[in-house]
Amino acid sequence: MSFDVRIIVAAHKKYRMPEDPMYLPVHVGAEGKDFDLGYQKDNEGENISSLNPSFCELTGLYWAWKNLDADHIGLVHYRRYFRGKGKGKDLFDKILKYEELKPVLDAHPVIVPNKRHYYIETLYKHYQHNHYIDELDTAADILKEKYPSYAGAYDKAINRTWGYMFNMMIMRKDLLDDYCTWLFDILFELSERLKKEGQTGFEARFPGRVSERLFNVWLTYKLDSGEIKEEEVMEIPFMYMEKINIFNKGITFLKAKFLGRKPEKSF
């Protein structure tokens, strides 16, 4: 069945899901698991499910790219969604609905979450303080080897103090094809070049983290080249489905920046 819009909800465990039929729960990292969440599995059809420990929710994006028949395809997370206009105490009533999204799709083929601002440091410096900068530097080397026309966009995007993060987006299928072809070509090579021993589970997820920065590079290039017009990109607020300890996030951020203590888990 063909859909005009299909948004996958990446999940690795059972969780309440939106009732709106445009959302498709996808079990990411399903390969090798002996339990069934009752969701679409990302190890069916053409897939990279086995790479989930390092590629994170991108195994869901890859599955959607290769296997879904839809005019627009999106990715959200089971604990993080685009916010709609709904009100009330139940957060699930506030998740973006099809009836809200449909009218804007033709004019806005790229939908992203609101910019995340770091204020006192660039995307590059933020990665350097919180992770291992050779990961991002190696990705930049690969990008400039394979896609030299993107070099300027990389420098521009990575030196901003804001970015579109979380690997959340909704895009027209032809644009998603372009993005995913470019992205996974870089990430597969990155994984080959940086095979590290003794990494923790958190550290091993660097392809997923690097991809968040690369999305900004891709979009910057498309905007600067005129392939996508600024008015075609729409920002929509995002929302967490669980409480986030802002104090702990802030302390972790400051420790990474000023004391060199890299985080050991996601917040």
C-alpha atoms as a PDB file:
ATOM      1  CA  MET A   1       0.000   0.000   0.000  1.00  0.00           C
ATOM      2  CA  SER A   2       1.263   3.442  -0.902  1.00  0.00           C
ATOM      3  CA  PHE A   3       0.993   6.309   1.609  1.00  0.00           C
ATOM      4  CA  ASP A   4       1.426  10.025   1.070  1.00  0.00           C
ATOM      5  CA  VAL A   5       3.315  10.257   4.389  1.00  0.00           C
ATOM      6  CA  ARG A   6       4.747   7.617   6.690  1.00  0.00           C
ATOM      7  CA  ILE A   7       6.692   8.417   9.853  1.00  0.00           C
ATOM      8  CA  ILE A   8       8.547   5.615  11.564  1.00  0.00           C
ATOM      9  CA  VAL A   9       8.862   5.583  15.336  1.00  0.00           C
ATOM     10  CA  ALA A  10      12.230   4.064  16.223  1.00  0.00           C
ATOM     11  CA  ALA A  11      12.017   1.892  19.336  1.00  0.00           C
ATOM     12  CA  HIS A  12      14.055  -0.868  20.936  1.00  0.00           C
ATOM     13  CA  LYS A  13      11.527  -1.766  23.624  1.00  0.00           C
ATOM     14  CA  LYS A  14       7.773  -1.888  24.150  1.00  0.00           C
ATOM     15  CA  TYR A  15       6.305   1.563  24.641  1.00  0.00           C
ATOM     16  CA  ARG A  16       3.026   3.342  24.094  1.00  0.00           C
ATOM     17  CA  MET A  17       2.672   4.460  20.481  1.00  0.00           C
ATOM     18  CA  PRO A  18       0.614   7.139  18.697  1.00  0.00           C
ATOM     19  CA  GLU A  19      -2.744   6.003  17.367  1.00  0.00           C
ATOM     20  CA  ASP A  20      -2.485   8.122  14.211  1.00  0.00           C
ATOM     21  CA  PRO A  21      -1.977   5.650  11.320  1.00  0.00           C
ATOM     22  CA  MET A  22       0.739   7.760   9.662  1.00  0.00           C
ATOM     23  CA  TYR A  23       3.068   6.546  12.437  1.00  0.00           C
ATOM     24  CA  LEU A  24       4.709   3.150  12.014  1.00  0.00           C
ATOM     25  CA  PRO A  25       6.496   1.741  15.078  1.00  0.00           C
ATOM     26  CA  VAL A  26       9.747   0.063  14.015  1.00  0.00           C
ATOM     27  CA  HIS A  27      11.806  -2.256  16.189  1.00  0.00           C
ATOM     28  CA  VAL A  28      15.351  -1.024  15.517  1.00  0.00           C
ATOM     29  CA  GLY A  29      18.138  -3.528  16.093  1.00  0.00           C
ATOM     30  CA  ALA A  30      15.741  -6.450  15.690  1.00  0.00           C
ATOM     31  CA  GLU A  31      18.414  -8.666  14.157  1.00  0.00           C
ATOM     32  CA  GLY A  32      19.402 -11.421  16.562  1.00  0.00           C
ATOM     33  CA  LYS A  33      16.748 -10.537  19.145  1.00  0.00           C
ATOM     34  CA  ASP A  34      14.619 -13.390  20.492  1.00  0.00           C
ATOM     35  CA  PHE A  35      11.645 -11.236  21.448  1.00  0.00           C
ATOM     36  CA  ASP A  36       8.874  -9.665  19.398  1.00  0.00           C
ATOM     37  CA  LEU A  37       7.665  -6.165  20.253  1.00  0.00           C
ATOM     38  CA  GLY A  38       4.775  -6.436  17.838  1.00  0.00           C
ATOM     39  CA  TYR A  39       6.283  -3.656  15.705  1.00  0.00           C
ATOM     40  CA  GLN A  40       7.651  -3.684  12.192  1.00  0.00           C
ATOM     41  CA  LYS A  41      11.174  -5.132  12.426  1.00  0.00           C
ATOM     42  CA  ASP A  42      14.120  -3.407  10.810  1.00  0.00           C
ATOM     43  CA  ASN A  43      15.722  -6.728   9.830  1.00  0.00           C
ATOM     44  CA  GLU A  44      13.160  -7.485   7.124  1.00  0.00           C
ATOM     45  CA  GLY A  45      13.683  -6.621   3.479  1.00  0.00           C
ATOM     46  CA  GLU A  46      16.829  -4.688   2.595  1.00  0.00           C
ATOM     47  CA  ASN A  47      18.351  -3.672   5.913  1.00  0.00           C
ATOM     48  CA  ILE A  48      21.359  -2.937   8.124  1.00  0.00           C
ATOM     49  CA  SER A  49      19.720  -4.036  11.376  1.00  0.00           C
ATOM     50  CA  SER A  50      22.891  -5.746  12.621  1.00  0.00           C
ATOM     51  CA  LEU A  51      24.630  -2.347  12.688  1.00  0.00           C
ATOM     52  CA  ASN A  52      22.202  -0.934  15.247  1.00  0.00           C
ATOM     53  CA  PRO A  53      24.691  -0.960  18.169  1.00  0.00           C
ATOM     54  CA  SER A  54      26.652   1.738  16.338  1.00  0.00           C
ATOM     55  CA  PHE A  55      24.130   3.231  13.894  1.00  0.00           C
ATOM     56  CA  CYS A  56      21.319   3.547  16.458  1.00  0.00           C
ATOM     57  CA  GLU A  57      18.011   4.778  14.993  1.00  0.00           C
ATOM     58  CA  LEU A  58      19.625   5.038  11.562  1.00  0.00           C
ATOM     59  CA  THR A  59      18.969   1.334  11.007  1.00  0.00           C
ATOM     60  CA  GLY A  60      15.296   2.314  11.116  1.00  0.00           C
ATOM     61  CA  LEU A  61      15.861   5.176   8.692  1.00  0.00           C
ATOM     62  CA  TYR A  62      17.711   2.840   6.327  1.00  0.00           C
ATOM     63  CA  TRP A  63      14.884   0.304   6.489  1.00  0.00           C
ATOM     64  CA  ALA A  64      12.286   3.002   5.783  1.00  0.00           C
ATOM     65  CA  TRP A  65      14.342   4.382   2.888  1.00  0.00           C
ATOM     66  CA  LYS A  66      14.715   0.982   1.255  1.00  0.00           C
ATOM     67  CA  ASN A  67      11.340  -0.595   2.018  1.00  0.00           C
ATOM     68  CA  LEU A  68       8.568   1.979   2.486  1.00  0.00           C
ATOM     69  CA  ASP A  69       6.323   3.119  -0.339  1.00  0.00           C
ATOM     70  CA  ALA A  70       5.389   6.686   0.579  1.00  0.00           C
ATOM     71  CA  ASP A  71       5.617  10.155  -0.933  1.00  0.00           C
ATOM     72  CA  HIS A  72       7.081  11.550   2.306  1.00  0.00           C
ATOM     73  CA  ILE A  73       9.018   9.601   4.924  1.00  0.00           C
ATOM     74  CA  GLY A  74       9.944  10.686   8.427  1.00  0.00           C
ATOM     75  CA  LEU A  75      11.764   9.517  11.534  1.00  0.00           C
ATOM     76  CA  VAL A  76      10.942  10.201  15.168  1.00  0.00           C
ATOM     77  CA  HIS A  77      11.795   8.374  18.386  1.00  0.00           C
ATOM     78  CA  TYR A  78       9.566   6.596  20.860  1.00  0.00           C
ATOM     79  CA  ARG A  79      10.457   9.220  23.472  1.00  0.00           C
ATOM     80  CA  ARG A  80      10.738  12.260  21.174  1.00  0.00           C
ATOM     81  CA  TYR A  81       8.175  13.554  18.667  1.00  0.00           C
ATOM     82  CA  PHE A  82       7.251  16.585  16.635  1.00  0.00           C
ATOM     83  CA  ARG A  83       4.701  18.558  18.585  1.00  0.00           C
ATOM     84  CA  GLY A  84       1.248  19.273  17.214  1.00  0.00           C
ATOM     85  CA  LYS A  85      -1.469  21.675  18.313  1.00  0.00           C
ATOM     86  CA  GLY A  86      -3.258  19.344  20.698  1.00  0.00           C
ATOM     87  CA  LYS A  87      -3.782  20.329  24.309  1.00  0.00           C
ATOM     88  CA  GLY A  88      -4.510  18.496  27.515  1.00  0.00           C
ATOM     89  CA  LYS A  89      -2.609  16.524  30.123  1.00  0.00           C
ATOM     90  CA  ASP A  90      -1.919  13.494  27.964  1.00  0.00           C
ATOM     91  CA  LEU A  91       1.288  14.105  26.006  1.00  0.00           C
ATOM     92  CA  PHE A  92       0.181  11.686  23.295  1.00  0.00           C
ATOM     93  CA  ASP A  93      -2.648  14.057  22.424  1.00  0.00           C
ATOM     94  CA  LYS A  94      -0.012  16.708  21.669  1.00  0.00           C
ATOM     95  CA  ILE A  95       1.952  14.688  19.106  1.00  0.00           C
ATOM     96  CA  LEU A  96       1.818  16.056  15.550  1.00  0.00           C
ATOM     97  CA  LYS A  97      -1.165  14.575  13.702  1.00  0.00           C
ATOM     98  CA  TYR A  98      -1.660  13.752  10.042  1.00  0.00           C
ATOM     99  CA  GLU A  99      -4.444  16.331   9.700  1.00  0.00           C
ATOM    100  CA  GLU A 100      -1.967  19.016  10.848  1.00  0.00           C
ATOM    101  CA  LEU A 101       0.911  17.828   8.707  1.00  0.00           C
ATOM    102  CA  LYS A 102      -0.869  17.121   5.425  1.00  0.00           C
ATOM    103  CA  PRO A 103      -1.669  20.758   4.521  1.00  0.00           C
ATOM    104  CA  VAL A 104       1.992  21.852   4.763  1.00  0.00           C
ATOM    105  CA  LEU A 105       3.724  18.988   2.956  1.00  0.00           C
ATOM    106  CA  ASP A 106       3.540  20.358  -0.584  1.00  0.00           C
ATOM    107  CA  ALA A 107       5.065  23.700   0.381  1.00  0.00           C
ATOM    108  CA  HIS A 108       7.566  22.229   2.838  1.00  0.00           C
ATOM    109  CA  PRO A 109       9.305  19.093   1.505  1.00  0.00           C
ATOM    110  CA  VAL A 110      11.798  19.232   4.404  1.00  0.00           C
ATOM    111  CA  ILE A 111      10.532  19.338   7.986  1.00  0.00           C
ATOM    112  CA  VAL A 112      12.974  19.491  10.881  1.00  0.00           C
ATOM    113  CA  PRO A 113      12.805  19.994  14.651  1.00  0.00           C
ATOM    114  CA  ASN A 114      13.469  23.445  16.018  1.00  0.00           C
ATOM    115  CA  LYS A 115      17.146  24.385  16.078  1.00  0.00           C
ATOM    116  CA  ARG A 116      19.101  23.278  19.099  1.00  0.00           C
ATOM    117  CA  HIS A 117      21.302  26.130  20.306  1.00  0.00           C
ATOM    118  CA  TYR A 118      24.604  25.558  22.096  1.00  0.00           C
ATOM    119  CA  TYR A 119      25.274  29.299  22.464  1.00  0.00           C
ATOM    120  CA  ILE A 120      28.798  29.159  23.894  1.00  0.00           C
ATOM    121  CA  GLU A 121      30.321  26.648  21.493  1.00  0.00           C
ATOM    122  CA  THR A 122      30.075  25.471  17.909  1.00  0.00           C
ATOM    123  CA  LEU A 123      28.860  22.081  16.727  1.00  0.00           C
ATOM    124  CA  TYR A 124      32.500  21.145  16.229  1.00  0.00           C
ATOM    125  CA  LYS A 125      33.567  22.203  19.715  1.00  0.00           C
ATOM    126  CA  HIS A 126      30.540  20.517  21.263  1.00  0.00           C
ATOM    127  CA  TYR A 127      31.502  17.235  19.617  1.00  0.00           C
ATOM    128  CA  GLN A 128      35.133  17.687  20.625  1.00  0.00           C
ATOM    129  CA  HIS A 129      34.230  18.238  24.274  1.00  0.00           C
ATOM    130  CA  ASN A 130      31.653  15.466  24.543  1.00  0.00           C
ATOM    131  CA  HIS A 131      33.010  12.741  22.255  1.00  0.00           C
ATOM    132  CA  TYR A 132      36.172  11.843  20.332  1.00  0.00           C
ATOM    133  CA  ILE A 133      36.925  14.405  17.666  1.00  0.00           C
ATOM    134  CA  ASP A 134      38.747  11.954  15.385  1.00  0.00           C
ATOM    135  CA  GLU A 135      35.295  10.548  14.592  1.00  0.00           C
ATOM    136  CA  LEU A 136      34.060  13.837  13.206  1.00  0.00           C
ATOM    137  CA  ASP A 137      37.394  14.718  11.616  1.00  0.00           C
ATOM    138  CA  THR A 138      37.520  11.367   9.825  1.00  0.00           C
ATOM    139  CA  ALA A 139      33.965  11.867   8.571  1.00  0.00           C
ATOM    140  CA  ALA A 140      35.038  15.276   7.247  1.00  0.00           C
ATOM    141  CA  ASP A 141      38.005  13.700   5.456  1.00  0.00           C
ATOM    142  CA  ILE A 142      35.734  11.132   3.819  1.00  0.00           C
ATOM    143  CA  LEU A 143      33.208  13.782   2.833  1.00  0.00           C
ATOM    144  CA  LYS A 144      35.879  15.935   1.218  1.00  0.00           C
ATOM    145  CA  GLU A 145      37.276  12.926  -0.650  1.00  0.00           C
ATOM    146  CA  LYS A 146      33.952  11.605  -1.901  1.00  0.00           C
ATOM    147  CA  TYR A 147      31.935  14.820  -2.134  1.00  0.00           C
ATOM    148  CA  PRO A 148      34.409  17.711  -2.430  1.00  0.00           C
ATOM    149  CA  SER A 149      31.676  20.169  -3.416  1.00  0.00           C
ATOM    150  CA  TYR A 150      30.317  19.810   0.145  1.00  0.00           C
ATOM    151  CA  ALA A 151      33.521  21.053   1.799  1.00  0.00           C
ATOM    152  CA  GLY A 152      32.297  24.621   2.149  1.00  0.00           C
ATOM    153  CA  ALA A 153      28.958  23.508   3.542  1.00  0.00           C
ATOM    154  CA  TYR A 154      30.759  21.339   6.093  1.00  0.00           C
ATOM    155  CA  ASP A 155      32.888  24.223   7.324  1.00  0.00           C
ATOM    156  CA  LYS A 156      29.874  26.512   7.477  1.00  0.00           C
ATOM    157  CA  ALA A 157      27.569  24.101   9.297  1.00  0.00           C
ATOM    158  CA  ILE A 158      30.088  22.734  11.774  1.00  0.00           C
ATOM    159  CA  ASN A 159      31.122  26.207  12.912  1.00  0.00           C
ATOM    160  CA  ARG A 160      27.617  27.307  13.821  1.00  0.00           C
ATOM    161  CA  THR A 161      26.424  27.335  17.423  1.00  0.00           C
ATOM    162  CA  TRP A 162      23.146  25.640  16.469  1.00  0.00           C
ATOM    163  CA  GLY A 163      21.948  22.670  14.507  1.00  0.00           C
ATOM    164  CA  TYR A 164      19.036  20.425  13.646  1.00  0.00           C
ATOM    165  CA  MET A 165      19.668  17.446  15.872  1.00  0.00           C
ATOM    166  CA  PHE A 166      18.273  14.057  16.967  1.00  0.00           C
ATOM    167  CA  ASN A 167      18.103  12.549  13.438  1.00  0.00           C
ATOM    168  CA  MET A 168      14.493  13.704  13.301  1.00  0.00           C
ATOM    169  CA  MET A 169      13.067  14.769   9.955  1.00  0.00           C
ATOM    170  CA  ILE A 170      10.202  14.377   7.499  1.00  0.00           C
ATOM    171  CA  MET A 171      11.206  14.622   3.840  1.00  0.00           C
ATOM    172  CA  ARG A 172       9.819  14.147   0.384  1.00  0.00           C
ATOM    173  CA  LYS A 173      10.970  10.775  -0.901  1.00  0.00           C
ATOM    174  CA  ASP A 174      13.282  12.075  -3.633  1.00  0.00           C
ATOM    175  CA  LEU A 175      15.098  14.263  -1.108  1.00  0.00           C
ATOM    176  CA  LEU A 176      15.309  11.390   1.354  1.00  0.00           C
ATOM    177  CA  ASP A 177      16.806   9.245  -1.420  1.00  0.00           C
ATOM    178  CA  ASP A 178      19.441  11.899  -2.029  1.00  0.00           C
ATOM    179  CA  TYR A 179      20.225  12.344   1.657  1.00  0.00           C
ATOM    180  CA  CYS A 180      20.406   8.661   2.541  1.00  0.00           C
ATOM    181  CA  THR A 181      22.531   7.762  -0.474  1.00  0.00           C
ATOM    182  CA  TRP A 182      25.015  10.461   0.554  1.00  0.00           C
ATOM    183  CA  LEU A 183      24.856   9.813   4.310  1.00  0.00           C
ATOM    184  CA  PHE A 184      25.252   6.056   4.356  1.00  0.00           C
ATOM    185  CA  ASP A 185      28.054   6.168   1.796  1.00  0.00           C
ATOM    186  CA  ILE A 186      29.997   8.323   4.264  1.00  0.00           C
ATOM    187  CA  LEU A 187      29.019   6.400   7.403  1.00  0.00           C
ATOM    188  CA  PHE A 188      29.863   2.956   6.015  1.00  0.00           C
ATOM    189  CA  GLU A 189      33.329   4.219   5.117  1.00  0.00           C
ATOM    190  CA  LEU A 190      33.669   5.893   8.524  1.00  0.00           C
ATOM    191  CA  SER A 191      32.871   2.613  10.271  1.00  0.00           C
ATOM    192  CA  GLU A 192      35.527   0.852   8.214  1.00  0.00           C
ATOM    193  CA  ARG A 193      38.218   3.412   8.997  1.00  0.00           C
ATOM    194  CA  LEU A 194      37.505   3.683  12.713  1.00  0.00           C
ATOM    195  CA  LYS A 195      37.329   0.164  14.058  1.00  0.00           C
ATOM    196  CA  LYS A 196      38.169   0.721  17.698  1.00  0.00           C
ATOM    197  CA  GLU A 197      38.825  -1.885  20.354  1.00  0.00           C
ATOM    198  CA  GLY A 198      37.384  -1.778  23.869  1.00  0.00           C
ATOM    199  CA  GLN A 199      34.685   0.802  23.284  1.00  0.00           C
ATOM    200  CA  THR A 200      31.732   1.031  25.633  1.00  0.00           C
ATOM    201  CA  GLY A 201      28.260   0.709  24.152  1.00  0.00           C
ATOM    202  CA  PHE A 202      27.860   4.481  24.372  1.00  0.00           C
ATOM    203  CA  GLU A 203      31.189   5.177  22.653  1.00  0.00           C
ATOM    204  CA  ALA A 204      30.427   2.729  19.833  1.00  0.00           C
ATOM    205  CA  ARG A 205      27.444   4.807  18.727  1.00  0.00           C
ATOM    206  CA  PHE A 206      29.625   7.381  17.008  1.00  0.00           C
ATOM    207  CA  PRO A 207      28.175   6.835  13.481  1.00  0.00           C
ATOM    208  CA  GLY A 208      24.757   7.783  14.847  1.00  0.00           C
ATOM    209  CA  ARG A 209      26.150  10.882  16.549  1.00  0.00           C
ATOM    210  CA  VAL A 210      28.201  11.963  13.548  1.00  0.00           C
ATOM    211  CA  SER A 211      25.112  11.666  11.351  1.00  0.00           C
ATOM    212  CA  GLU A 212      23.366  14.390  13.350  1.00  0.00           C
ATOM    213  CA  ARG A 213      26.096  16.823  12.328  1.00  0.00           C
ATOM    214  CA  LEU A 214      26.182  15.541   8.759  1.00  0.00           C
ATOM    215  CA  PHE A 215      22.477  16.208   8.297  1.00  0.00           C
ATOM    216  CA  ASN A 216      23.216  19.887   8.869  1.00  0.00           C
ATOM    217  CA  VAL A 217      25.990  19.746   6.294  1.00  0.00           C
ATOM    218  CA  TRP A 218      23.725  18.144   3.689  1.00  0.00           C
ATOM    219  CA  LEU A 219      20.931  20.644   4.280  1.00  0.00           C
ATOM    220  CA  THR A 220      23.328  23.602   4.239  1.00  0.00           C
ATOM    221  CA  TYR A 221      24.676  22.458   0.882  1.00  0.00           C
ATOM    222  CA  LYS A 222      21.202  22.025  -0.584  1.00  0.00           C
ATOM    223  CA  LEU A 223      20.149  25.477   0.608  1.00  0.00           C
ATOM    224  CA  ASP A 224      23.313  27.210  -0.567  1.00  0.00           C
ATOM    225  CA  SER A 225      23.118  25.516  -3.969  1.00  0.00           C
ATOM    226  CA  GLY A 226      19.470  26.451  -4.375  1.00  0.00           C
ATOM    227  CA  GLU A 227      18.339  22.833  -4.717  1.00  0.00           C
ATOM    228  CA  ILE A 228      16.156  23.463  -1.674  1.00  0.00           C
ATOM    229  CA  LYS A 229      14.737  26.906  -0.989  1.00  0.00           C
ATOM    230  CA  GLU A 230      14.776  28.346   2.515  1.00  0.00           C
ATOM    231  CA  GLU A 231      11.003  28.696   2.528  1.00  0.00           C
ATOM    232  CA  GLU A 232      10.683  24.982   1.766  1.00  0.00           C
ATOM    233  CA  VAL A 233      12.236  24.043   5.107  1.00  0.00           C
ATOM    234  CA  MET A 234       9.829  24.101   8.026  1.00  0.00           C
ATOM    235  CA  GLU A 235      10.789  23.909  11.687  1.00  0.00           C
ATOM    236  CA  ILE A 236       8.339  22.242  14.058  1.00  0.00           C
ATOM    237  CA  PRO A 237       8.875  22.118  17.838  1.00  0.00           C
ATOM    238  CA  PHE A 238       9.735  18.750  19.314  1.00  0.00           C
ATOM    239  CA  MET A 239       8.679  17.279  22.623  1.00  0.00           C
ATOM    240  CA  TYR A 240       9.981  14.656  25.032  1.00  0.00           C
ATOM    241  CA  MET A 241       7.608  11.994  26.270  1.00  0.00           C
ATOM    242  CA  GLU A 242       9.483  11.640  29.558  1.00  0.00           C
ATOM    243  CA  LYS A 243      10.863  14.240  31.926  1.00  0.00           C
ATOM    244  CA  ILE A 244      14.392  15.357  31.142  1.00  0.00           C
ATOM    245  CA  ASN A 245      16.647  16.392  34.004  1.00  0.00           C
ATOM    246  CA  ILE A 246      17.794  19.744  32.639  1.00  0.00           C
ATOM    247  CA  PHE A 247      20.058  20.300  35.653  1.00  0.00           C
ATOM    248  CA  ASN A 248      21.970  17.068  35.046  1.00  0.00           C
ATOM    249  CA  LYS A 249      22.243  17.839  31.330  1.00  0.00           C
ATOM    250  CA  GLY A 250      23.626  21.263  32.145  1.00  0.00           C
ATOM    251  CA  ILE A 251      26.181  19.910  34.618  1.00  0.00           C
ATOM    252  CA  THR A 252      27.277  17.270  32.102  1.00  0.00           C
ATOM    253  CA  PHE A 253      27.639  19.944  29.418  1.00  0.00           C
ATOM    254  CA  LEU A 254      29.785  22.167  31.656  1.00  0.00           C
ATOM    255  CA  LYS A 255      31.966  19.291  32.859  1.00  0.00           C
ATOM    256  CA  ALA A 256      32.628  18.289  29.260  1.00  0.00           C
ATOM    257  CA  LYS A 257      33.454  21.820  28.168  1.00  0.00           C
ATOM    258  CA  PHE A 258      35.535  23.040  31.069  1.00  0.00           C
ATOM    259  CA  LEU A 259      36.843  19.893  32.794  1.00  0.00           C
ATOM    260  CA  GLY A 260      37.269  17.561  29.854  1.00  0.00           C
ATOM    261  CA  ARG A 261      34.956  14.918  31.338  1.00  0.00           C
ATOM    262  CA  LYS A 262      33.190  13.257  28.469  1.00  0.00           C
ATOM    263  CA  PRO A 263      29.694  11.885  29.194  1.00  0.00           C
ATOM    264  CA  GLU A 264      29.323   8.137  29.607  1.00  0.00           C
ATOM    265  CA  LYS A 265      25.676   7.930  28.547  1.00  0.00           C
ATOM    266  CA  SER A 266      22.978   9.829  26.712  1.00  0.00           C
ATOM    267  CA  PHE A 267      20.654  12.188  28.570  1.00  0.00           C
END
